[in-house]
Amino acid sequence: MTTLFNYWHYFTLIIIFILYIGGLIAAFRQEKKKLIFPMAFSVTLVFSLLAIFSVVVVDKYTKVVKLYKLENKRLLSTEQIIYTGVVKNEGKYTIGEVIFEIKLVNKGHVTGNVKAGSFFAPSGFAEFFGGGANVLYKPQTIIKEFVVATNLKPGEAEQFRVYFDFPPYFRNVADFSTVRGH
């Protein structure tokens, strides 16, 4: 996975590292020797989680990507659906990967167009030991993710085309699309 850090990532990680070193120094200055290891472990855990959280937050506010001209076509001969569109980096920093996520939801059950066997879901016991009864199980929601652009510079746009198999039992489908940068 291509991930690009900008100077905000480095700035926050350096601040967190300085605070981490201060926490370790405070742990080793502890008068009770039994508490040194638990304190060092706690400081390491807290600052590791803080570093991961800060990278996610900085990504959210510095890597801004938008989706334009999204269209879909269904190819009946191959039972596939094709999504085409344009992604554009509207932020000030380069985006390592642009991920397009499409969620298809079968709304046939709302209109009464689904057969009785469509909603059978194997129990956790059967799925764990026997792989479930996948012959009868038909998922009503499908989520697909695709990397549609890499190293997208600020202000740059790129066209994409993705396709995947369309479930033949879907009727009256609702689709939800999102795009995000990493």
N, C-alpha and C. Protein backbone atom coordinates (compact mmCIF):
# COMPACT_ATOMS: atom_id res chain seq x y z
N MET A 1 0.84 -1.17 0.00
CA MET A 1 0.00 0.00 0.00
C MET A 1 0.88 1.24 0.00
N THR A 2 0.61 2.15 -0.87
CA THR A 2 1.36 3.39 -0.96
C THR A 2 0.72 4.42 -0.03
N THR A 3 1.43 4.83 0.98
CA THR A 3 0.93 5.85 1.88
C THR A 3 1.92 6.99 1.87
N LEU A 4 1.40 8.18 1.68
CA LEU A 4 2.25 9.35 1.66
C LEU A 4 1.98 10.21 2.89
N PHE A 5 3.01 10.46 3.64
CA PHE A 5 2.91 11.38 4.76
C PHE A 5 3.29 12.77 4.28
N ASN A 6 2.60 13.77 4.80
CA ASN A 6 3.00 15.14 4.52
C ASN A 6 3.60 15.72 5.80
N TYR A 7 3.94 16.99 5.77
CA TYR A 7 4.65 17.54 6.93
C TYR A 7 3.78 17.59 8.18
N TRP A 8 2.46 17.59 8.04
CA TRP A 8 1.59 17.56 9.22
C TRP A 8 1.70 16.21 9.93
N HIS A 9 1.82 15.13 9.16
CA HIS A 9 2.02 13.82 9.77
C HIS A 9 3.31 13.80 10.59
N TYR A 10 4.39 14.26 9.96
CA TYR A 10 5.67 14.26 10.65
C TYR A 10 5.65 15.16 11.89
N PHE A 11 5.02 16.31 11.77
CA PHE A 11 4.94 17.24 12.90
C PHE A 11 4.21 16.61 14.08
N THR A 12 3.05 16.01 13.84
CA THR A 12 2.31 15.40 14.94
C THR A 12 3.04 14.19 15.51
N LEU A 13 3.67 13.39 14.65
CA LEU A 13 4.40 12.23 15.15
C LEU A 13 5.63 12.63 15.97
N ILE A 14 6.30 13.70 15.59
CA ILE A 14 7.45 14.19 16.37
C ILE A 14 6.99 14.69 17.74
N ILE A 15 5.88 15.43 17.77
CA ILE A 15 5.35 15.91 19.06
C ILE A 15 4.97 14.72 19.95
N ILE A 16 4.31 13.73 19.37
CA ILE A 16 3.91 12.54 20.14
C ILE A 16 5.15 11.79 20.63
N PHE A 17 6.19 11.70 19.79
CA PHE A 17 7.43 11.01 20.20
C PHE A 17 8.11 11.75 21.35
N ILE A 18 8.14 13.07 21.30
CA ILE A 18 8.74 13.85 22.39
C ILE A 18 7.98 13.62 23.69
N LEU A 19 6.65 13.62 23.62
CA LEU A 19 5.84 13.35 24.80
C LEU A 19 6.04 11.91 25.30
N TYR A 20 6.23 10.98 24.38
CA TYR A 20 6.48 9.59 24.74
C TYR A 20 7.80 9.45 25.51
N ILE A 21 8.83 10.12 25.02
CA ILE A 21 10.13 10.09 25.71
C ILE A 21 9.99 10.68 27.12
N GLY A 22 9.22 11.77 27.23
CA GLY A 22 8.98 12.36 28.56
C GLY A 22 8.25 11.39 29.47
N GLY A 23 7.28 10.66 28.94
CA GLY A 23 6.57 9.67 29.74
C GLY A 23 7.47 8.53 30.18
N LEU A 24 8.38 8.08 29.31
CA LEU A 24 9.33 7.03 29.69
C LEU A 24 10.30 7.52 30.76
N ILE A 25 10.75 8.75 30.63
CA ILE A 25 11.65 9.31 31.64
C ILE A 25 10.94 9.37 32.99
N ALA A 26 9.68 9.79 32.98
CA ALA A 26 8.91 9.84 34.23
C ALA A 26 8.72 8.44 34.80
N ALA A 27 8.53 7.44 33.94
CA ALA A 27 8.36 6.06 34.42
C ALA A 27 9.65 5.55 35.06
N PHE A 28 10.80 5.84 34.47
CA PHE A 28 12.06 5.34 35.01
C PHE A 28 12.52 6.12 36.25
N ARG A 29 11.96 7.29 36.48
CA ARG A 29 12.29 8.05 37.69
C ARG A 29 11.40 7.65 38.86
N GLN A 30 10.52 6.72 38.63
CA GLN A 30 9.61 6.24 39.68
C GLN A 30 10.41 5.66 40.85
N GLU A 31 10.02 6.04 42.04
CA GLU A 31 10.73 5.56 43.22
C GLU A 31 10.45 4.09 43.49
N LYS A 32 9.23 3.65 43.25
CA LYS A 32 8.88 2.24 43.46
C LYS A 32 9.28 1.45 42.22
N LYS A 33 10.26 0.59 42.38
CA LYS A 33 10.82 -0.14 41.24
C LYS A 33 9.80 -1.11 40.62
N LYS A 34 8.81 -1.56 41.40
CA LYS A 34 7.81 -2.48 40.86
C LYS A 34 6.90 -1.79 39.84
N LEU A 35 6.82 -0.48 39.88
CA LEU A 35 5.91 0.25 38.99
C LEU A 35 6.56 0.71 37.69
N ILE A 36 7.86 0.52 37.55
CA ILE A 36 8.54 1.02 36.34
C ILE A 36 8.02 0.32 35.09
N PHE A 37 8.00 -1.00 35.09
CA PHE A 37 7.55 -1.73 33.90
C PHE A 37 6.08 -1.46 33.56
N PRO A 38 5.15 -1.53 34.53
CA PRO A 38 3.76 -1.22 34.17
C PRO A 38 3.56 0.20 33.65
N MET A 39 4.27 1.15 34.23
CA MET A 39 4.14 2.53 33.74
C MET A 39 4.71 2.67 32.33
N ALA A 40 5.86 2.06 32.07
CA ALA A 40 6.47 2.13 30.74
C ALA A 40 5.56 1.46 29.71
N PHE A 41 4.98 0.33 30.10
CA PHE A 41 4.05 -0.36 29.20
C PHE A 41 2.82 0.50 28.92
N SER A 42 2.27 1.12 29.95
CA SER A 42 1.09 1.98 29.78
C SER A 42 1.39 3.18 28.90
N VAL A 43 2.54 3.80 29.14
CA VAL A 43 2.93 4.97 28.33
C VAL A 43 3.10 4.55 26.86
N THR A 44 3.73 3.39 26.63
CA THR A 44 3.92 2.91 25.27
C THR A 44 2.58 2.63 24.60
N LEU A 45 1.68 2.00 25.30
CA LEU A 45 0.36 1.68 24.75
C LEU A 45 -0.43 2.94 24.42
N VAL A 46 -0.46 3.88 25.35
CA VAL A 46 -1.24 5.11 25.14
C VAL A 46 -0.67 5.91 23.97
N PHE A 47 0.63 6.07 23.90
CA PHE A 47 1.20 6.88 22.84
C PHE A 47 1.18 6.17 21.49
N SER A 48 1.20 4.84 21.48
CA SER A 48 1.02 4.11 20.22
C SER A 48 -0.38 4.34 19.65
N LEU A 49 -1.38 4.23 20.51
CA LEU A 49 -2.75 4.49 20.07
C LEU A 49 -2.93 5.94 19.65
N LEU A 50 -2.31 6.86 20.36
CA LEU A 50 -2.38 8.27 20.00
C LEU A 50 -1.73 8.53 18.65
N ALA A 51 -0.62 7.87 18.36
CA ALA A 51 0.05 8.04 17.07
C ALA A 51 -0.83 7.51 15.93
N ILE A 52 -1.44 6.35 16.12
CA ILE A 52 -2.32 5.80 15.08
C ILE A 52 -3.52 6.71 14.86
N PHE A 53 -4.13 7.16 15.94
CA PHE A 53 -5.29 8.05 15.84
C PHE A 53 -4.91 9.36 15.15
N SER A 54 -3.73 9.91 15.47
CA SER A 54 -3.33 11.18 14.87
C SER A 54 -3.09 11.04 13.37
N VAL A 55 -2.54 9.91 12.93
CA VAL A 55 -2.34 9.70 11.49
C VAL A 55 -3.68 9.66 10.77
N VAL A 56 -4.67 8.99 11.37
CA VAL A 56 -6.00 8.92 10.76
C VAL A 56 -6.64 10.31 10.70
N VAL A 57 -6.52 11.08 11.77
CA VAL A 57 -7.11 12.42 11.79
C VAL A 57 -6.44 13.34 10.79
N VAL A 58 -5.12 13.31 10.73
CA VAL A 58 -4.41 14.16 9.77
C VAL A 58 -4.77 13.76 8.34
N ASP A 59 -4.88 12.45 8.07
CA ASP A 59 -5.32 12.00 6.74
C ASP A 59 -6.70 12.56 6.39
N LYS A 60 -7.60 12.53 7.35
CA LYS A 60 -8.97 12.97 7.09
C LYS A 60 -9.02 14.44 6.68
N TYR A 61 -8.18 15.27 7.29
CA TYR A 61 -8.26 16.70 7.02
C TYR A 61 -7.28 17.20 5.96
N THR A 62 -6.31 16.40 5.56
CA THR A 62 -5.37 16.88 4.55
C THR A 62 -5.54 16.19 3.20
N LYS A 63 -6.15 15.03 3.17
CA LYS A 63 -6.31 14.29 1.92
C LYS A 63 -7.78 14.33 1.51
N VAL A 64 -8.11 15.33 0.70
CA VAL A 64 -9.49 15.57 0.30
C VAL A 64 -9.64 15.13 -1.15
N VAL A 65 -10.49 14.14 -1.38
CA VAL A 65 -10.72 13.63 -2.72
C VAL A 65 -12.22 13.64 -2.99
N LYS A 66 -12.60 14.04 -4.20
CA LYS A 66 -14.01 14.11 -4.60
C LYS A 66 -14.26 13.22 -5.81
N LEU A 67 -15.51 12.79 -5.93
CA LEU A 67 -15.94 11.91 -7.01
C LEU A 67 -16.86 12.68 -7.94
N TYR A 68 -16.57 12.62 -9.24
CA TYR A 68 -17.36 13.32 -10.25
C TYR A 68 -17.76 12.37 -11.37
N LYS A 69 -18.87 12.69 -12.02
CA LYS A 69 -19.34 11.99 -13.23
C LYS A 69 -19.44 10.48 -13.05
N LEU A 70 -20.01 10.06 -11.93
CA LEU A 70 -20.15 8.62 -11.68
C LEU A 70 -21.31 8.07 -12.51
N GLU A 71 -21.03 7.05 -13.28
CA GLU A 71 -22.04 6.38 -14.09
C GLU A 71 -21.87 4.87 -13.94
N ASN A 72 -22.98 4.16 -14.12
CA ASN A 72 -22.88 2.71 -14.09
C ASN A 72 -23.68 2.12 -15.24
N LYS A 73 -23.19 0.99 -15.72
CA LYS A 73 -23.86 0.25 -16.78
C LYS A 73 -23.85 -1.22 -16.38
N ARG A 74 -24.92 -1.88 -16.72
CA ARG A 74 -25.00 -3.31 -16.42
C ARG A 74 -24.88 -4.08 -17.73
N LEU A 75 -23.91 -4.98 -17.78
CA LEU A 75 -23.72 -5.82 -18.96
C LEU A 75 -24.45 -7.14 -18.73
N LEU A 76 -25.58 -7.30 -19.40
CA LEU A 76 -26.39 -8.49 -19.18
C LEU A 76 -25.74 -9.74 -19.76
N SER A 77 -24.95 -9.59 -20.81
CA SER A 77 -24.34 -10.77 -21.43
C SER A 77 -23.31 -11.44 -20.52
N THR A 78 -22.60 -10.65 -19.73
CA THR A 78 -21.58 -11.21 -18.83
C THR A 78 -21.98 -11.13 -17.36
N GLU A 79 -23.16 -10.61 -17.08
CA GLU A 79 -23.67 -10.42 -15.72
C GLU A 79 -22.67 -9.64 -14.87
N GLN A 80 -22.23 -8.51 -15.38
CA GLN A 80 -21.33 -7.63 -14.66
C GLN A 80 -21.90 -6.23 -14.64
N ILE A 81 -21.39 -5.42 -13.72
CA ILE A 81 -21.74 -4.02 -13.65
C ILE A 81 -20.45 -3.21 -13.72
N ILE A 82 -20.48 -2.14 -14.48
CA ILE A 82 -19.30 -1.29 -14.69
C ILE A 82 -19.59 0.09 -14.12
N TYR A 83 -18.67 0.59 -13.32
CA TYR A 83 -18.75 1.95 -12.80
C TYR A 83 -17.60 2.75 -13.40
N THR A 84 -17.93 3.92 -13.94
CA THR A 84 -16.92 4.83 -14.46
C THR A 84 -17.11 6.18 -13.79
N GLY A 85 -16.03 6.92 -13.69
CA GLY A 85 -16.10 8.23 -13.09
C GLY A 85 -14.75 8.91 -13.06
N VAL A 86 -14.70 10.01 -12.36
CA VAL A 86 -13.48 10.81 -12.24
C VAL A 86 -13.27 11.11 -10.76
N VAL A 87 -12.05 10.90 -10.28
CA VAL A 87 -11.69 11.30 -8.93
C VAL A 87 -10.71 12.46 -9.02
N LYS A 88 -10.90 13.43 -8.13
CA LYS A 88 -10.05 14.62 -8.16
C LYS A 88 -9.55 14.92 -6.75
N ASN A 89 -8.25 15.20 -6.67
CA ASN A 89 -7.64 15.60 -5.40
C ASN A 89 -7.88 17.09 -5.22
N GLU A 90 -8.73 17.43 -4.27
CA GLU A 90 -9.05 18.83 -4.02
C GLU A 90 -8.32 19.38 -2.81
N GLY A 91 -7.40 18.61 -2.27
CA GLY A 91 -6.60 19.07 -1.14
C GLY A 91 -5.31 19.71 -1.60
N LYS A 92 -4.45 20.00 -0.64
CA LYS A 92 -3.17 20.64 -0.93
C LYS A 92 -2.00 19.66 -0.91
N TYR A 93 -2.30 18.36 -0.70
CA TYR A 93 -1.23 17.38 -0.53
C TYR A 93 -1.47 16.18 -1.44
N THR A 94 -0.40 15.49 -1.79
CA THR A 94 -0.50 14.31 -2.64
C THR A 94 -1.17 13.17 -1.88
N ILE A 95 -2.01 12.43 -2.58
CA ILE A 95 -2.72 11.29 -2.00
C ILE A 95 -2.09 10.02 -2.53
N GLY A 96 -1.69 9.12 -1.63
CA GLY A 96 -1.02 7.88 -2.02
C GLY A 96 -1.95 6.94 -2.78
N GLU A 97 -3.12 6.65 -2.24
CA GLU A 97 -4.09 5.77 -2.88
C GLU A 97 -5.47 6.37 -2.75
N VAL A 98 -6.23 6.33 -3.83
CA VAL A 98 -7.63 6.73 -3.80
C VAL A 98 -8.45 5.45 -3.90
N ILE A 99 -9.29 5.22 -2.89
CA ILE A 99 -10.09 4.00 -2.84
C ILE A 99 -11.54 4.34 -3.10
N PHE A 100 -12.11 3.65 -4.10
CA PHE A 100 -13.52 3.79 -4.46
C PHE A 100 -14.27 2.62 -3.85
N GLU A 101 -15.30 2.92 -3.06
CA GLU A 101 -16.10 1.86 -2.43
C GLU A 101 -17.53 1.95 -2.95
N ILE A 102 -18.04 0.82 -3.39
CA ILE A 102 -19.42 0.76 -3.87
C ILE A 102 -20.17 -0.25 -3.02
N LYS A 103 -21.35 0.12 -2.60
CA LYS A 103 -22.19 -0.75 -1.78
C LYS A 103 -23.51 -0.94 -2.53
N LEU A 104 -23.81 -2.18 -2.87
CA LEU A 104 -25.07 -2.52 -3.53
C LEU A 104 -26.01 -3.14 -2.51
N VAL A 105 -27.23 -2.63 -2.44
CA VAL A 105 -28.23 -3.14 -1.52
C VAL A 105 -29.43 -3.58 -2.32
N ASN A 106 -29.82 -4.82 -2.12
CA ASN A 106 -30.98 -5.38 -2.81
C ASN A 106 -32.23 -4.89 -2.09
N LYS A 107 -33.06 -4.12 -2.80
CA LYS A 107 -34.30 -3.63 -2.21
C LYS A 107 -35.48 -4.48 -2.62
N GLY A 108 -35.24 -5.66 -3.18
CA GLY A 108 -36.32 -6.52 -3.62
C GLY A 108 -37.21 -6.98 -2.50
N HIS A 109 -36.62 -7.15 -1.30
CA HIS A 109 -37.42 -7.62 -0.18
C HIS A 109 -38.45 -6.59 0.25
N VAL A 110 -38.24 -5.31 -0.05
CA VAL A 110 -39.19 -4.27 0.30
C VAL A 110 -40.43 -4.37 -0.57
N THR A 111 -40.21 -4.70 -1.83
CA THR A 111 -41.34 -4.78 -2.76
C THR A 111 -41.94 -6.17 -2.82
N GLY A 112 -41.39 -7.12 -2.09
CA GLY A 112 -41.96 -8.46 -2.06
C GLY A 112 -41.47 -9.34 -3.20
N ASN A 113 -40.37 -9.00 -3.85
CA ASN A 113 -39.89 -9.75 -5.00
C ASN A 113 -38.85 -10.80 -4.65
N VAL A 114 -38.66 -11.10 -3.39
CA VAL A 114 -37.62 -12.04 -2.99
C VAL A 114 -38.27 -13.35 -2.60
N LYS A 115 -37.68 -14.45 -3.05
CA LYS A 115 -38.20 -15.78 -2.73
C LYS A 115 -37.87 -16.12 -1.28
N ALA A 116 -38.56 -17.08 -0.74
CA ALA A 116 -38.43 -17.42 0.68
C ALA A 116 -37.01 -17.82 1.06
N GLY A 117 -36.26 -18.50 0.22
CA GLY A 117 -34.93 -18.97 0.57
C GLY A 117 -33.86 -17.91 0.56
N SER A 118 -34.16 -16.71 0.13
CA SER A 118 -33.14 -15.69 -0.01
C SER A 118 -32.61 -15.18 1.31
N PHE A 119 -33.40 -15.24 2.37
CA PHE A 119 -32.97 -14.68 3.63
C PHE A 119 -32.45 -15.72 4.61
N PHE A 120 -32.29 -16.95 4.19
CA PHE A 120 -31.71 -17.94 5.09
C PHE A 120 -30.24 -17.62 5.31
N ALA A 121 -29.87 -17.44 6.54
CA ALA A 121 -28.47 -17.22 6.89
C ALA A 121 -28.04 -18.35 7.81
N PRO A 122 -26.92 -19.00 7.54
CA PRO A 122 -26.50 -20.11 8.39
C PRO A 122 -26.21 -19.62 9.79
N SER A 123 -26.45 -20.50 10.75
CA SER A 123 -26.15 -20.14 12.13
C SER A 123 -24.65 -20.08 12.33
N GLY A 124 -24.23 -19.44 13.40
CA GLY A 124 -22.79 -19.36 13.68
C GLY A 124 -22.17 -20.73 13.87
N PHE A 125 -22.92 -21.66 14.49
CA PHE A 125 -22.42 -23.01 14.71
C PHE A 125 -22.19 -23.73 13.39
N ALA A 126 -23.19 -23.67 12.50
CA ALA A 126 -23.07 -24.35 11.21
C ALA A 126 -21.99 -23.71 10.35
N GLU A 127 -21.88 -22.41 10.39
CA GLU A 127 -20.87 -21.73 9.59
C GLU A 127 -19.46 -22.04 10.08
N PHE A 128 -19.29 -22.14 11.40
CA PHE A 128 -17.98 -22.40 11.97
C PHE A 128 -17.51 -23.81 11.65
N PHE A 129 -18.38 -24.80 11.79
CA PHE A 129 -17.96 -26.18 11.63
C PHE A 129 -18.13 -26.72 10.21
N GLY A 130 -19.09 -26.22 9.48
CA GLY A 130 -19.33 -26.82 8.18
C GLY A 130 -19.27 -25.87 7.03
N GLY A 131 -18.87 -24.66 7.26
CA GLY A 131 -18.84 -23.70 6.17
C GLY A 131 -20.19 -23.09 5.90
N GLY A 132 -21.20 -23.44 6.68
CA GLY A 132 -22.53 -22.89 6.50
C GLY A 132 -23.23 -23.51 5.32
N ALA A 133 -24.43 -23.10 5.11
CA ALA A 133 -25.22 -23.60 3.98
C ALA A 133 -25.18 -22.56 2.87
N ASN A 134 -24.02 -22.33 2.33
CA ASN A 134 -23.84 -21.27 1.35
C ASN A 134 -24.62 -21.50 0.06
N VAL A 135 -25.13 -22.69 -0.12
CA VAL A 135 -25.94 -22.94 -1.30
C VAL A 135 -27.22 -22.12 -1.24
N LEU A 136 -27.77 -21.96 -0.03
CA LEU A 136 -29.02 -21.23 0.13
C LEU A 136 -28.82 -19.77 0.49
N TYR A 137 -27.66 -19.41 1.01
CA TYR A 137 -27.43 -18.06 1.50
C TYR A 137 -27.16 -17.10 0.34
N LYS A 138 -27.97 -16.06 0.28
CA LYS A 138 -27.79 -15.03 -0.74
C LYS A 138 -27.66 -13.69 -0.03
N PRO A 139 -26.46 -13.11 0.00
CA PRO A 139 -26.31 -11.83 0.70
C PRO A 139 -27.12 -10.74 0.03
N GLN A 140 -27.73 -9.89 0.83
CA GLN A 140 -28.57 -8.81 0.32
C GLN A 140 -27.80 -7.50 0.20
N THR A 141 -26.56 -7.48 0.68
CA THR A 141 -25.70 -6.30 0.58
C THR A 141 -24.32 -6.76 0.14
N ILE A 142 -23.79 -6.06 -0.85
CA ILE A 142 -22.44 -6.38 -1.35
C ILE A 142 -21.62 -5.10 -1.32
N ILE A 143 -20.42 -5.19 -0.73
CA ILE A 143 -19.52 -4.04 -0.66
C ILE A 143 -18.23 -4.41 -1.38
N LYS A 144 -17.83 -3.59 -2.34
CA LYS A 144 -16.59 -3.79 -3.09
C LYS A 144 -15.73 -2.54 -2.96
N GLU A 145 -14.42 -2.75 -2.84
CA GLU A 145 -13.46 -1.64 -2.79
C GLU A 145 -12.43 -1.80 -3.89
N PHE A 146 -12.08 -0.68 -4.52
CA PHE A 146 -11.11 -0.68 -5.61
C PHE A 146 -10.16 0.50 -5.44
N VAL A 147 -8.89 0.27 -5.70
CA VAL A 147 -7.92 1.37 -5.76
C VAL A 147 -8.00 1.93 -7.18
N VAL A 148 -8.45 3.18 -7.32
CA VAL A 148 -8.69 3.75 -8.64
C VAL A 148 -7.63 4.75 -9.06
N ALA A 149 -6.80 5.20 -8.13
CA ALA A 149 -5.73 6.13 -8.49
C ALA A 149 -4.62 6.01 -7.43
N THR A 150 -3.39 6.23 -7.87
CA THR A 150 -2.26 6.25 -6.95
C THR A 150 -1.44 7.51 -7.19
N ASN A 151 -0.86 8.01 -6.11
CA ASN A 151 -0.02 9.21 -6.15
C ASN A 151 -0.70 10.36 -6.90
N LEU A 152 -1.89 10.71 -6.46
CA LEU A 152 -2.68 11.78 -7.07
C LEU A 152 -2.22 13.12 -6.51
N LYS A 153 -1.67 13.95 -7.36
CA LYS A 153 -1.14 15.25 -6.96
C LYS A 153 -2.28 16.24 -6.69
N PRO A 154 -2.00 17.32 -5.95
CA PRO A 154 -3.04 18.32 -5.67
C PRO A 154 -3.61 18.92 -6.96
N GLY A 155 -4.93 18.96 -7.05
CA GLY A 155 -5.61 19.51 -8.21
C GLY A 155 -5.70 18.56 -9.39
N GLU A 156 -5.08 17.42 -9.31
CA GLU A 156 -5.08 16.46 -10.41
C GLU A 156 -6.33 15.58 -10.36
N ALA A 157 -6.83 15.22 -11.54
CA ALA A 157 -7.99 14.35 -11.65
C ALA A 157 -7.62 13.13 -12.49
N GLU A 158 -8.28 12.03 -12.21
CA GLU A 158 -8.00 10.80 -12.95
C GLU A 158 -9.30 10.04 -13.17
N GLN A 159 -9.46 9.55 -14.40
CA GLN A 159 -10.64 8.75 -14.72
C GLN A 159 -10.41 7.31 -14.27
N PHE A 160 -11.51 6.62 -13.99
CA PHE A 160 -11.39 5.23 -13.60
C PHE A 160 -12.55 4.43 -14.17
N ARG A 161 -12.34 3.14 -14.22
CA ARG A 161 -13.37 2.18 -14.64
C ARG A 161 -13.16 0.91 -13.83
N VAL A 162 -14.19 0.49 -13.12
CA VAL A 162 -14.14 -0.75 -12.36
C VAL A 162 -15.35 -1.59 -12.72
N TYR A 163 -15.17 -2.89 -12.66
CA TYR A 163 -16.30 -3.77 -12.93
C TYR A 163 -16.19 -5.00 -12.06
N PHE A 164 -17.34 -5.57 -11.77
CA PHE A 164 -17.42 -6.77 -10.96
C PHE A 164 -18.71 -7.50 -11.28
N ASP A 165 -18.80 -8.75 -10.82
CA ASP A 165 -19.97 -9.57 -11.09
C ASP A 165 -21.18 -9.02 -10.33
N PHE A 166 -22.29 -8.93 -11.06
CA PHE A 166 -23.54 -8.45 -10.49
C PHE A 166 -24.38 -9.65 -10.08
N PRO A 167 -24.86 -9.68 -8.84
CA PRO A 167 -25.67 -10.83 -8.41
C PRO A 167 -26.97 -10.90 -9.22
N PRO A 168 -27.24 -12.02 -9.87
CA PRO A 168 -28.42 -12.10 -10.73
C PRO A 168 -29.74 -12.05 -9.97
N TYR A 169 -29.75 -12.33 -8.67
CA TYR A 169 -30.99 -12.34 -7.91
C TYR A 169 -31.34 -10.95 -7.37
N PHE A 170 -30.49 -9.95 -7.57
CA PHE A 170 -30.78 -8.59 -7.10
C PHE A 170 -31.88 -7.98 -7.96
N ARG A 171 -32.86 -7.36 -7.30
CA ARG A 171 -33.93 -6.63 -7.97
C ARG A 171 -34.04 -5.26 -7.31
N ASN A 172 -34.29 -4.25 -8.08
CA ASN A 172 -34.50 -2.91 -7.55
C ASN A 172 -33.36 -2.52 -6.62
N VAL A 173 -32.17 -2.38 -7.18
CA VAL A 173 -30.93 -2.20 -6.42
C VAL A 173 -30.69 -0.73 -6.09
N ALA A 174 -30.28 -0.50 -4.85
CA ALA A 174 -29.80 0.83 -4.44
C ALA A 174 -28.28 0.74 -4.34
N ASP A 175 -27.60 1.75 -4.86
CA ASP A 175 -26.14 1.74 -4.77
C ASP A 175 -25.67 3.01 -4.06
N PHE A 176 -24.64 2.82 -3.23
CA PHE A 176 -24.04 3.91 -2.46
C PHE A 176 -22.54 3.89 -2.73
N SER A 177 -22.03 5.03 -3.18
CA SER A 177 -20.61 5.08 -3.52
C SER A 177 -19.90 6.12 -2.67
N THR A 178 -18.68 5.78 -2.26
CA THR A 178 -17.84 6.72 -1.52
C THR A 178 -16.42 6.61 -2.06
N VAL A 179 -15.66 7.65 -1.82
CA VAL A 179 -14.26 7.67 -2.23
C VAL A 179 -13.47 8.27 -1.08
N ARG A 180 -12.27 7.71 -0.84
CA ARG A 180 -11.43 8.21 0.23
C ARG A 180 -9.97 8.08 -0.17
N GLY A 181 -9.15 8.89 0.45
CA GLY A 181 -7.72 8.86 0.15
C GLY A 181 -6.92 8.33 1.32
N HIS A 182 -5.84 7.65 1.00
CA HIS A 182 -4.92 7.12 2.02
C HIS A 182 -3.50 7.52 1.67
